[in-house]
Amino acid sequence: MTCLAGPPYPSPPQWWAAPAPWPTICWSFVSPIPENPSRHRRHSFFLLSTDTPGFKAVKIHGKMGIRASDTAEIVLKDVRVPAESLAGKEGEDFSQLMAFFNRTRLHICAQAVGLARAALEESIRRQR
């Protein structure tokens, strides 16, 4: 990824997002300063329009797991974003991501327990 009014940002490798490919904007969590000695100070969030040249979302078919949530493979190839798309301060967003995970872990655990219980119940039903 390249920032129009600042330092160049390399395109990240492919990644997956939910709910995708339907939104018109998405968050992109990249490492614009990979040479920073602190691995926790390398990451930044960008707000990215899905109609940006080089943005591609490909719906994943035949996935396992939670099928009610559309998930897509996101590819950013030579994407350029304006500097004002940077959310927060460059290199300080890793802690924001960890705080988000702290708020969502319980929900993900509840989903996993529900899926495991349904799988167990279905296997018992089929065994009978």
C-alpha atoms as a PDB file:
ATOM      1  CA  MET A   1       0.000   0.000   0.000  1.00  0.00           C
ATOM      2  CA  THR A   2       1.270   3.497  -0.684  1.00  0.00           C
ATOM      3  CA  CYS A   3       0.267   6.598   1.197  1.00  0.00           C
ATOM      4  CA  LEU A   4      -0.215   9.560  -1.137  1.00  0.00           C
ATOM      5  CA  ALA A   5       0.951  12.226   1.304  1.00  0.00           C
ATOM      6  CA  GLY A   6       3.472  10.349   3.377  1.00  0.00           C
ATOM      7  CA  PRO A   7       5.829   7.403   3.436  1.00  0.00           C
ATOM      8  CA  PRO A   8       5.218   4.435   1.135  1.00  0.00           C
ATOM      9  CA  TYR A   9       3.194   1.581   2.607  1.00  0.00           C
ATOM     10  CA  PRO A  10       3.884  -1.866   1.127  1.00  0.00           C
ATOM     11  CA  SER A  11       0.904  -3.940   0.063  1.00  0.00           C
ATOM     12  CA  PRO A  12       0.207  -6.580   2.702  1.00  0.00           C
ATOM     13  CA  PRO A  13      -0.241 -10.211   1.711  1.00  0.00           C
ATOM     14  CA  GLN A  14      -3.698 -11.614   1.163  1.00  0.00           C
ATOM     15  CA  TRP A  15      -5.977 -11.766   4.179  1.00  0.00           C
ATOM     16  CA  TRP A  16      -9.547 -12.636   5.037  1.00  0.00           C
ATOM     17  CA  ALA A  17     -12.343 -10.444   6.312  1.00  0.00           C
ATOM     18  CA  ALA A  18     -15.894 -10.818   7.531  1.00  0.00           C
ATOM     19  CA  PRO A  19     -18.408  -9.552   6.600  1.00  0.00           C
ATOM     20  CA  ALA A  20     -17.052  -9.352   3.099  1.00  0.00           C
ATOM     21  CA  PRO A  21     -17.187  -8.802   0.159  1.00  0.00           C
ATOM     22  CA  TRP A  22     -20.251  -6.592   0.707  1.00  0.00           C
ATOM     23  CA  PRO A  23     -19.074  -3.437   2.570  1.00  0.00           C
ATOM     24  CA  THR A  24     -18.023  -0.267   0.774  1.00  0.00           C
ATOM     25  CA  ILE A  25     -15.277   0.487   3.306  1.00  0.00           C
ATOM     26  CA  CYS A  26     -13.065  -1.719   5.436  1.00  0.00           C
ATOM     27  CA  TRP A  27     -10.296  -1.501   7.998  1.00  0.00           C
ATOM     28  CA  SER A  28      -6.862  -2.524   6.866  1.00  0.00           C
ATOM     29  CA  PHE A  29      -4.345  -3.437   9.579  1.00  0.00           C
ATOM     30  CA  VAL A  30      -0.872  -3.244   8.100  1.00  0.00           C
ATOM     31  CA  SER A  31       2.723  -2.938   9.178  1.00  0.00           C
ATOM     32  CA  PRO A  32       3.857   0.302   7.539  1.00  0.00           C
ATOM     33  CA  ILE A  33       7.116   0.445   9.506  1.00  0.00           C
ATOM     34  CA  PRO A  34       8.377  -3.181   9.605  1.00  0.00           C
ATOM     35  CA  GLU A  35      11.897  -2.078  10.511  1.00  0.00           C
ATOM     36  CA  ASN A  36      10.753  -0.649  13.877  1.00  0.00           C
ATOM     37  CA  PRO A  37      12.707  -2.542  16.579  1.00  0.00           C
ATOM     38  CA  SER A  38       9.548  -2.820  18.702  1.00  0.00           C
ATOM     39  CA  ARG A  39       7.269  -5.374  17.054  1.00  0.00           C
ATOM     40  CA  HIS A  40       4.329  -3.785  18.885  1.00  0.00           C
ATOM     41  CA  ARG A  41       4.976  -0.380  17.311  1.00  0.00           C
ATOM     42  CA  ARG A  42       4.942  -1.446  13.653  1.00  0.00           C
ATOM     43  CA  HIS A  43       1.206  -1.631  12.957  1.00  0.00           C
ATOM     44  CA  SER A  44      -1.389   0.887  11.835  1.00  0.00           C
ATOM     45  CA  PHE A  45      -5.045   0.880  10.857  1.00  0.00           C
ATOM     46  CA  PHE A  46      -6.228   2.447   7.624  1.00  0.00           C
ATOM     47  CA  LEU A  47      -9.796   3.057   6.549  1.00  0.00           C
ATOM     48  CA  LEU A  48      -9.918   1.812   2.980  1.00  0.00           C
ATOM     49  CA  SER A  49     -12.653   2.234   0.383  1.00  0.00           C
ATOM     50  CA  THR A  50     -13.408  -1.004  -1.435  1.00  0.00           C
ATOM     51  CA  ASP A  51     -13.543   0.837  -4.760  1.00  0.00           C
ATOM     52  CA  THR A  52      -9.864   1.808  -4.391  1.00  0.00           C
ATOM     53  CA  PRO A  53      -7.847   0.643  -7.419  1.00  0.00           C
ATOM     54  CA  GLY A  54      -5.992  -2.554  -6.496  1.00  0.00           C
ATOM     55  CA  PHE A  55      -8.562  -3.657  -3.883  1.00  0.00           C
ATOM     56  CA  LYS A  56     -10.098  -7.041  -4.600  1.00  0.00           C
ATOM     57  CA  ALA A  57     -12.473  -9.118  -2.463  1.00  0.00           C
ATOM     58  CA  VAL A  58     -13.149 -12.694  -3.519  1.00  0.00           C
ATOM     59  CA  LYS A  59     -15.918 -14.564  -1.716  1.00  0.00           C
ATOM     60  CA  ILE A  60     -14.755 -17.854  -0.212  1.00  0.00           C
ATOM     61  CA  HIS A  61     -16.933 -20.843  -1.155  1.00  0.00           C
ATOM     62  CA  GLY A  62     -17.024 -24.183   0.634  1.00  0.00           C
ATOM     63  CA  LYS A  63     -15.575 -22.906   3.893  1.00  0.00           C
ATOM     64  CA  MET A  64     -15.917 -24.719   7.180  1.00  0.00           C
ATOM     65  CA  GLY A  65     -17.277 -23.121  10.330  1.00  0.00           C
ATOM     66  CA  ILE A  66     -19.730 -20.287  10.628  1.00  0.00           C
ATOM     67  CA  ARG A  67     -21.404 -20.105   7.235  1.00  0.00           C
ATOM     68  CA  ALA A  68     -23.901 -17.373   8.097  1.00  0.00           C
ATOM     69  CA  SER A  69     -21.085 -14.825   8.025  1.00  0.00           C
ATOM     70  CA  ASP A  70     -19.798 -14.033   4.547  1.00  0.00           C
ATOM     71  CA  THR A  71     -16.026 -14.117   4.469  1.00  0.00           C
ATOM     72  CA  ALA A  72     -13.825 -13.001   1.616  1.00  0.00           C
ATOM     73  CA  GLU A  73     -10.201 -13.179   0.663  1.00  0.00           C
ATOM     74  CA  ILE A  74      -8.926  -9.599   0.456  1.00  0.00           C
ATOM     75  CA  VAL A  75      -6.071  -8.809  -1.913  1.00  0.00           C
ATOM     76  CA  LEU A  76      -4.380  -5.394  -1.933  1.00  0.00           C
ATOM     77  CA  LYS A  77      -2.164  -4.968  -4.977  1.00  0.00           C
ATOM     78  CA  ASP A  78      -0.321  -1.664  -5.404  1.00  0.00           C
ATOM     79  CA  VAL A  79      -3.030   0.110  -3.405  1.00  0.00           C
ATOM     80  CA  ARG A  80      -2.559   3.822  -2.751  1.00  0.00           C
ATOM     81  CA  VAL A  81      -4.438   5.539   0.052  1.00  0.00           C
ATOM     82  CA  PRO A  82      -4.412   9.161   1.185  1.00  0.00           C
ATOM     83  CA  ALA A  83      -2.527   9.952   4.392  1.00  0.00           C
ATOM     84  CA  GLU A  84      -5.777  11.028   6.071  1.00  0.00           C
ATOM     85  CA  SER A  85      -6.970   7.401   5.835  1.00  0.00           C
ATOM     86  CA  LEU A  86      -4.554   6.545   8.638  1.00  0.00           C
ATOM     87  CA  ALA A  87      -6.624   5.939  11.778  1.00  0.00           C
ATOM     88  CA  GLY A  88      -4.862   7.116  14.900  1.00  0.00           C
ATOM     89  CA  LYS A  89      -1.091   7.475  14.995  1.00  0.00           C
ATOM     90  CA  GLU A  90       1.285   5.513  12.810  1.00  0.00           C
ATOM     91  CA  GLY A  91       2.701   2.466  14.549  1.00  0.00           C
ATOM     92  CA  GLU A  92       0.462   2.648  17.617  1.00  0.00           C
ATOM     93  CA  ASP A  93      -2.513   0.516  16.644  1.00  0.00           C
ATOM     94  CA  PHE A  94      -1.387  -2.921  17.830  1.00  0.00           C
ATOM     95  CA  SER A  95      -2.631  -2.091  21.336  1.00  0.00           C
ATOM     96  CA  GLN A  96      -6.016  -1.050  19.892  1.00  0.00           C
ATOM     97  CA  LEU A  97      -6.320  -4.400  18.129  1.00  0.00           C
ATOM     98  CA  MET A  98      -5.470  -6.300  21.328  1.00  0.00           C
ATOM     99  CA  ALA A  99      -8.093  -4.275  23.247  1.00  0.00           C
ATOM    100  CA  PHE A 100     -10.651  -5.209  20.570  1.00  0.00           C
ATOM    101  CA  PHE A 101      -9.754  -8.900  20.936  1.00  0.00           C
ATOM    102  CA  ASN A 102     -10.188  -8.624  24.709  1.00  0.00           C
ATOM    103  CA  ARG A 103     -13.772  -7.421  24.141  1.00  0.00           C
ATOM    104  CA  THR A 104     -14.646 -10.077  21.551  1.00  0.00           C
ATOM    105  CA  ARG A 105     -12.988 -13.235  22.897  1.00  0.00           C
ATOM    106  CA  LEU A 106     -15.970 -14.192  25.034  1.00  0.00           C
ATOM    107  CA  HIS A 107     -18.322 -14.018  22.042  1.00  0.00           C
ATOM    108  CA  ILE A 108     -16.037 -16.176  19.924  1.00  0.00           C
ATOM    109  CA  CYS A 109     -15.709 -18.704  22.765  1.00  0.00           C
ATOM    110  CA  ALA A 110     -19.495 -18.847  23.119  1.00  0.00           C
ATOM    111  CA  GLN A 111     -19.832 -19.510  19.386  1.00  0.00           C
ATOM    112  CA  ALA A 112     -17.222 -22.275  19.551  1.00  0.00           C
ATOM    113  CA  VAL A 113     -18.951 -23.938  22.499  1.00  0.00           C
ATOM    114  CA  GLY A 114     -22.295 -23.740  20.685  1.00  0.00           C
ATOM    115  CA  LEU A 115     -20.831 -25.259  17.520  1.00  0.00           C
ATOM    116  CA  ALA A 116     -19.115 -28.030  19.486  1.00  0.00           C
ATOM    117  CA  ARG A 117     -22.327 -28.826  21.354  1.00  0.00           C
ATOM    118  CA  ALA A 118     -24.329 -28.965  18.096  1.00  0.00           C
ATOM    119  CA  ALA A 119     -21.691 -31.242  16.546  1.00  0.00           C
ATOM    120  CA  LEU A 120     -21.801 -33.566  19.566  1.00  0.00           C
ATOM    121  CA  GLU A 121     -25.597 -33.688  19.554  1.00  0.00           C
ATOM    122  CA  GLU A 122     -25.718 -34.379  15.826  1.00  0.00           C
ATOM    123  CA  SER A 123     -23.123 -37.161  16.101  1.00  0.00           C
ATOM    124  CA  ILE A 124     -25.099 -38.785  18.945  1.00  0.00           C
ATOM    125  CA  ARG A 125     -28.314 -38.501  16.928  1.00  0.00           C
ATOM    126  CA  ARG A 126     -26.681 -40.136  13.904  1.00  0.00           C
ATOM    127  CA  GLN A 127     -25.169 -42.914  16.001  1.00  0.00           C
ATOM    128  CA  ARG A 128     -28.606 -43.974  17.317  1.00  0.00           C
END
